[in-house]
Amino acid sequence: MRRHQSGMTLISFLVTAAVVGFFLFIVMKLFPMYKEFFEVKSALKGLANEAGIAHEQPAQIKEKLFKRMSINYVSNVKNEHVKVENKGGGQMVLVNYEVRVPLFYNLDAVGKFNAEQSLSGGAASAPAL
């Protein structure tokens, strides 16, 4: 009685490993820029929760945002990427930036990120008596 063996050959295993390795390489290259974007969004949400932030000047709002982003090691967002606009009863912070990551040889991955946060919440802090 003869048994028939089945399974992957060495060549099919190497092809599968190469495909999986290629996708892991791409994910490892792209993950940091997406992680940074989530840190930007987290900084914006934290800024929105700060008391009295809606009544501050745009320069002060930007300064506080950049302090929060520097704590989270956000390095791709520059001053020209952040805009503070008056909207209704509060202010709106807009962050628009682009990240370019070299993949291999002359091929780059480009990510364009846009985040916005309304600063209408938060009560003004009362003066101490």
C-alpha atoms as a PDB file:
ATOM      1  CA  MET A   1       0.000   0.000   0.000  1.00  0.00           C
ATOM      2  CA  ARG A   2       1.446   3.283  -1.122  1.00  0.00           C
ATOM      3  CA  ARG A   3       0.663   6.610   0.643  1.00  0.00           C
ATOM      4  CA  HIS A   4       0.422   9.847  -1.305  1.00  0.00           C
ATOM      5  CA  GLN A   5       2.036  12.776   0.496  1.00  0.00           C
ATOM      6  CA  SER A   6       0.603  16.261   0.156  1.00  0.00           C
ATOM      7  CA  GLY A   7       1.801  19.645   1.304  1.00  0.00           C
ATOM      8  CA  MET A   8       3.799  22.629   0.236  1.00  0.00           C
ATOM      9  CA  THR A   9       6.882  22.224  -1.855  1.00  0.00           C
ATOM     10  CA  LEU A  10       9.986  24.225  -1.061  1.00  0.00           C
ATOM     11  CA  ILE A  11       9.361  26.579  -3.976  1.00  0.00           C
ATOM     12  CA  SER A  12       5.749  27.298  -2.970  1.00  0.00           C
ATOM     13  CA  PHE A  13       6.916  27.893   0.607  1.00  0.00           C
ATOM     14  CA  LEU A  14       9.566  30.389  -0.584  1.00  0.00           C
ATOM     15  CA  VAL A  15       7.043  32.234  -2.784  1.00  0.00           C
ATOM     16  CA  THR A  16       4.562  32.441   0.104  1.00  0.00           C
ATOM     17  CA  ALA A  17       7.282  33.647   2.482  1.00  0.00           C
ATOM     18  CA  ALA A  18       8.388  36.313  -0.037  1.00  0.00           C
ATOM     19  CA  VAL A  19       4.832  37.642  -0.469  1.00  0.00           C
ATOM     20  CA  VAL A  20       4.212  37.738   3.291  1.00  0.00           C
ATOM     21  CA  GLY A  21       7.629  39.340   3.841  1.00  0.00           C
ATOM     22  CA  PHE A  22       6.924  42.016   1.230  1.00  0.00           C
ATOM     23  CA  PHE A  23       3.623  42.989   2.890  1.00  0.00           C
ATOM     24  CA  LEU A  24       5.243  43.015   6.337  1.00  0.00           C
ATOM     25  CA  PHE A  25       7.955  45.317   4.970  1.00  0.00           C
ATOM     26  CA  ILE A  26       5.314  47.730   3.608  1.00  0.00           C
ATOM     27  CA  VAL A  27       3.403  47.711   6.905  1.00  0.00           C
ATOM     28  CA  MET A  28       6.596  48.365   8.881  1.00  0.00           C
ATOM     29  CA  LYS A  29       7.376  51.373   6.672  1.00  0.00           C
ATOM     30  CA  LEU A  30       3.852  52.866   6.758  1.00  0.00           C
ATOM     31  CA  PHE A  31       2.920  52.225  10.403  1.00  0.00           C
ATOM     32  CA  PRO A  32       4.954  55.142  11.894  1.00  0.00           C
ATOM     33  CA  MET A  33       3.236  57.781   9.753  1.00  0.00           C
ATOM     34  CA  TYR A  34      -0.226  56.497  10.705  1.00  0.00           C
ATOM     35  CA  LYS A  35       0.770  56.292  14.360  1.00  0.00           C
ATOM     36  CA  GLU A  36       1.905  59.917  14.165  1.00  0.00           C
ATOM     37  CA  PHE A  37      -1.460  60.920  12.649  1.00  0.00           C
ATOM     38  CA  PHE A  38      -3.300  59.294  15.556  1.00  0.00           C
ATOM     39  CA  GLU A  39      -1.014  61.214  17.947  1.00  0.00           C
ATOM     40  CA  VAL A  40      -1.993  64.460  16.161  1.00  0.00           C
ATOM     41  CA  LYS A  41      -5.671  63.599  16.571  1.00  0.00           C
ATOM     42  CA  SER A  42      -5.078  62.767  20.237  1.00  0.00           C
ATOM     43  CA  ALA A  43      -3.351  66.130  20.782  1.00  0.00           C
ATOM     44  CA  LEU A  44      -6.278  67.921  19.143  1.00  0.00           C
ATOM     45  CA  LYS A  45      -8.801  66.134  21.366  1.00  0.00           C
ATOM     46  CA  GLY A  46      -6.753  66.936  24.450  1.00  0.00           C
ATOM     47  CA  LEU A  47      -6.580  70.562  23.388  1.00  0.00           C
ATOM     48  CA  ALA A  48     -10.363  70.677  22.934  1.00  0.00           C
ATOM     49  CA  ASN A  49     -10.864  69.388  26.489  1.00  0.00           C
ATOM     50  CA  GLU A  50      -8.738  72.169  27.977  1.00  0.00           C
ATOM     51  CA  ALA A  51     -10.801  74.722  29.917  1.00  0.00           C
ATOM     52  CA  GLY A  52     -11.181  78.122  28.251  1.00  0.00           C
ATOM     53  CA  ILE A  53      -9.269  77.193  25.115  1.00  0.00           C
ATOM     54  CA  ALA A  54     -11.982  78.562  22.786  1.00  0.00           C
ATOM     55  CA  HIS A  55     -11.381  82.090  24.098  1.00  0.00           C
ATOM     56  CA  GLU A  56      -7.620  82.165  23.515  1.00  0.00           C
ATOM     57  CA  GLN A  57      -5.730  83.772  20.652  1.00  0.00           C
ATOM     58  CA  PRO A  58      -4.802  81.590  17.642  1.00  0.00           C
ATOM     59  CA  ALA A  59      -1.071  81.910  18.413  1.00  0.00           C
ATOM     60  CA  GLN A  60      -1.628  80.616  21.962  1.00  0.00           C
ATOM     61  CA  ILE A  61      -3.750  77.734  20.662  1.00  0.00           C
ATOM     62  CA  LYS A  62      -1.020  76.756  18.186  1.00  0.00           C
ATOM     63  CA  GLU A  63       1.624  76.944  20.911  1.00  0.00           C
ATOM     64  CA  LYS A  64      -0.377  74.649  23.189  1.00  0.00           C
ATOM     65  CA  LEU A  65      -1.017  72.225  20.323  1.00  0.00           C
ATOM     66  CA  PHE A  66       2.678  72.043  19.424  1.00  0.00           C
ATOM     67  CA  LYS A  67       3.580  71.419  23.077  1.00  0.00           C
ATOM     68  CA  ARG A  68       1.156  68.493  23.145  1.00  0.00           C
ATOM     69  CA  MET A  69       2.495  67.150  19.847  1.00  0.00           C
ATOM     70  CA  SER A  70       6.131  67.427  20.953  1.00  0.00           C
ATOM     71  CA  ILE A  71       5.336  65.270  23.985  1.00  0.00           C
ATOM     72  CA  ASN A  72       4.049  62.601  21.575  1.00  0.00           C
ATOM     73  CA  TYR A  73       7.085  62.931  19.247  1.00  0.00           C
ATOM     74  CA  VAL A  74       5.145  64.353  16.295  1.00  0.00           C
ATOM     75  CA  SER A  75       7.819  65.695  13.951  1.00  0.00           C
ATOM     76  CA  ASN A  76       6.181  66.043  10.517  1.00  0.00           C
ATOM     77  CA  VAL A  77       3.672  68.779  11.431  1.00  0.00           C
ATOM     78  CA  LYS A  78       5.085  72.282  10.992  1.00  0.00           C
ATOM     79  CA  ASN A  79       3.638  75.690  11.854  1.00  0.00           C
ATOM     80  CA  GLU A  80       2.402  76.281   8.293  1.00  0.00           C
ATOM     81  CA  HIS A  81       0.354  73.052   8.432  1.00  0.00           C
ATOM     82  CA  VAL A  82      -1.838  74.305  11.313  1.00  0.00           C
ATOM     83  CA  LYS A  83      -4.625  76.876  10.900  1.00  0.00           C
ATOM     84  CA  VAL A  84      -6.979  78.269  13.542  1.00  0.00           C
ATOM     85  CA  GLU A  85     -10.237  79.688  12.178  1.00  0.00           C
ATOM     86  CA  ASN A  86     -13.212  81.337  13.879  1.00  0.00           C
ATOM     87  CA  LYS A  87     -16.352  79.250  13.487  1.00  0.00           C
ATOM     88  CA  GLY A  88     -19.654  80.283  15.041  1.00  0.00           C
ATOM     89  CA  GLY A  89     -19.273  80.463  18.806  1.00  0.00           C
ATOM     90  CA  GLY A  90     -15.787  78.994  18.954  1.00  0.00           C
ATOM     91  CA  GLN A  91     -12.709  78.183  16.955  1.00  0.00           C
ATOM     92  CA  MET A  92     -11.704  75.366  14.635  1.00  0.00           C
ATOM     93  CA  VAL A  93      -8.176  73.955  14.433  1.00  0.00           C
ATOM     94  CA  LEU A  94      -7.233  72.449  11.059  1.00  0.00           C
ATOM     95  CA  VAL A  95      -4.108  70.344  10.565  1.00  0.00           C
ATOM     96  CA  ASN A  96      -3.219  69.409   6.967  1.00  0.00           C
ATOM     97  CA  TYR A  97       0.144  67.825   6.216  1.00  0.00           C
ATOM     98  CA  GLU A  98       1.903  65.340   3.989  1.00  0.00           C
ATOM     99  CA  VAL A  99       4.433  62.640   4.859  1.00  0.00           C
ATOM    100  CA  ARG A 100       6.775  61.037   2.331  1.00  0.00           C
ATOM    101  CA  VAL A 101       8.399  57.729   3.281  1.00  0.00           C
ATOM    102  CA  PRO A 102      11.042  56.109   1.059  1.00  0.00           C
ATOM    103  CA  LEU A 103      10.178  52.456   0.406  1.00  0.00           C
ATOM    104  CA  PHE A 104      12.986  51.197  -1.803  1.00  0.00           C
ATOM    105  CA  TYR A 105      15.209  52.562  -4.559  1.00  0.00           C
ATOM    106  CA  ASN A 106      13.284  55.493  -6.109  1.00  0.00           C
ATOM    107  CA  LEU A 107       9.807  54.531  -4.882  1.00  0.00           C
ATOM    108  CA  ASP A 108       8.176  56.566  -2.086  1.00  0.00           C
ATOM    109  CA  ALA A 109       4.890  56.242  -0.225  1.00  0.00           C
ATOM    110  CA  VAL A 110       3.056  59.527   0.292  1.00  0.00           C
ATOM    111  CA  GLY A 111       0.435  59.996   2.984  1.00  0.00           C
ATOM    112  CA  LYS A 112      -1.805  63.068   3.088  1.00  0.00           C
ATOM    113  CA  PHE A 113      -3.412  63.655   6.454  1.00  0.00           C
ATOM    114  CA  ASN A 114      -6.179  66.070   7.450  1.00  0.00           C
ATOM    115  CA  ALA A 115      -7.519  66.509  10.967  1.00  0.00           C
ATOM    116  CA  GLU A 116      -9.820  69.107  12.435  1.00  0.00           C
ATOM    117  CA  GLN A 117     -11.145  69.827  15.907  1.00  0.00           C
ATOM    118  CA  SER A 118     -13.749  72.251  17.153  1.00  0.00           C
ATOM    119  CA  LEU A 119     -12.750  74.255  20.237  1.00  0.00           C
ATOM    120  CA  SER A 120     -16.189  75.446  21.266  1.00  0.00           C
ATOM    121  CA  GLY A 121     -16.270  73.418  24.499  1.00  0.00           C
ATOM    122  CA  GLY A 122     -14.593  74.064  27.806  1.00  0.00           C
ATOM    123  CA  ALA A 123     -15.658  76.755  30.215  1.00  0.00           C
ATOM    124  CA  ALA A 124     -13.450  79.728  30.935  1.00  0.00           C
ATOM    125  CA  SER A 125     -11.621  79.299  34.197  1.00  0.00           C
ATOM    126  CA  ALA A 126     -12.907  81.467  37.006  1.00  0.00           C
ATOM    127  CA  PRO A 127     -10.482  83.860  38.699  1.00  0.00           C
ATOM    128  CA  ALA A 128      -9.258  82.783  42.117  1.00  0.00           C
ATOM    129  CA  LEU A 129     -10.564  84.762  45.073  1.00  0.00           C
END
